[in-house]
Amino acid sequence: MSAIISMSAGKAPGADGLTTELLKADLTSTFNVLHDLFHTIWYSKTVPADWSKNLIVRLAQKGGLTKCRNWRGIQ
C-alpha cells in the first residue's frame, strides 16, 4: 500500500487509462483488487497477455534530429 501512497499525482495515465488520483481515491479497494489480481497471477503462473504489450514513443531531444542519439524512447 505504501507504493500507491508514494506515487506522484498529476501525471498522465498509462495505457490502461488509470490515473494516480483514481488509485489513491480509495486505497483499501485498490489494495484489495491488486492483491487478488497478484495472488491469482502468482498461483496460476500466468501473466495477462496485455502486460506483454508496450507502447514506446520516440521523443526528440536537443540537437540534429537526423542523429539517433538525439532521440529517446519512453513507455
Protein backbone atom coordinates (compact mmCIF):
# COMPACT_ATOMS: atom_id res chain seq x y z
CA MET A 1 0.00 0.00 0.00
CA SER A 2 2.96 2.32 0.63
CA ALA A 3 3.87 2.10 -3.08
CA ILE A 4 0.47 3.51 -4.03
CA ILE A 5 0.72 6.27 -1.43
CA SER A 6 4.17 7.32 -2.67
CA MET A 7 3.05 7.69 -6.31
CA SER A 8 3.20 11.25 -7.68
CA ALA A 9 -0.09 12.89 -8.56
CA GLY A 10 -0.74 14.94 -11.67
CA LYS A 11 0.96 12.57 -14.10
CA ALA A 12 -0.50 11.31 -17.36
CA PRO A 13 -2.23 7.92 -17.15
CA GLY A 14 -0.64 4.85 -18.66
CA ALA A 15 -2.01 2.73 -21.48
CA ASP A 16 -4.72 1.44 -19.11
CA GLY A 17 -6.07 4.97 -18.58
CA LEU A 18 -5.78 4.80 -14.78
CA THR A 19 -4.54 7.92 -13.05
CA THR A 20 -2.74 8.07 -9.72
CA GLU A 21 -5.62 10.06 -8.28
CA LEU A 22 -8.03 7.25 -9.17
CA LEU A 23 -5.87 4.64 -7.44
CA LYS A 24 -5.48 6.84 -4.36
CA ALA A 25 -9.20 7.70 -4.13
CA ASP A 26 -9.97 4.51 -2.21
CA LEU A 27 -6.77 2.86 -1.01
CA THR A 28 -8.50 -0.10 0.63
CA SER A 29 -10.39 -1.08 -2.53
CA THR A 30 -7.33 -0.54 -4.72
CA PHE A 31 -5.20 -2.66 -2.42
CA ASN A 32 -7.78 -5.47 -2.29
CA VAL A 33 -8.23 -5.60 -6.07
CA LEU A 34 -4.49 -5.56 -6.75
CA HIS A 35 -3.82 -8.14 -4.04
CA ASP A 36 -6.40 -10.52 -5.52
CA LEU A 37 -5.00 -9.96 -9.02
CA PHE A 38 -1.39 -10.63 -8.00
CA HIS A 39 -2.46 -13.63 -5.91
CA THR A 40 -4.20 -15.14 -8.94
CA ILE A 41 -1.19 -14.45 -11.18
CA TRP A 42 1.22 -15.95 -8.64
CA TYR A 43 -0.67 -19.21 -8.21
CA SER A 44 -1.71 -19.66 -11.84
CA LYS A 45 1.85 -18.85 -13.00
CA THR A 46 0.48 -16.93 -16.00
CA VAL A 47 0.79 -13.25 -16.78
CA PRO A 48 -2.07 -11.47 -18.61
CA ALA A 49 -1.31 -11.12 -22.34
CA ASP A 50 -1.91 -7.37 -22.21
CA TRP A 51 1.01 -6.98 -19.83
CA SER A 52 3.47 -8.07 -22.50
CA LYS A 53 2.47 -5.23 -24.83
CA ASN A 54 4.37 -1.95 -24.62
CA LEU A 55 3.91 1.33 -26.36
CA ILE A 56 7.19 3.16 -26.87
CA VAL A 57 7.08 6.72 -28.17
CA ARG A 58 10.16 8.41 -29.57
CA LEU A 59 10.77 11.95 -28.35
CA ALA A 60 13.23 14.36 -29.93
CA GLN A 61 15.86 15.93 -27.73
CA LYS A 62 18.15 18.88 -28.46
CA GLY A 63 20.38 18.72 -31.49
CA GLY A 64 20.02 17.46 -35.02
CA LEU A 65 17.07 15.16 -35.48
CA THR A 66 18.93 13.06 -38.04
CA LYS A 67 21.21 11.63 -35.33
CA CYS A 68 19.90 8.63 -33.38
CA ARG A 69 21.41 9.80 -30.09
CA ASN A 70 19.17 12.88 -30.14
CA TRP A 71 16.05 10.76 -29.71
CA ARG A 72 14.84 8.88 -26.65
CA GLY A 73 12.09 6.37 -26.16
CA ILE A 74 9.53 6.49 -23.36
CA GLN A 75 6.87 3.99 -22.37
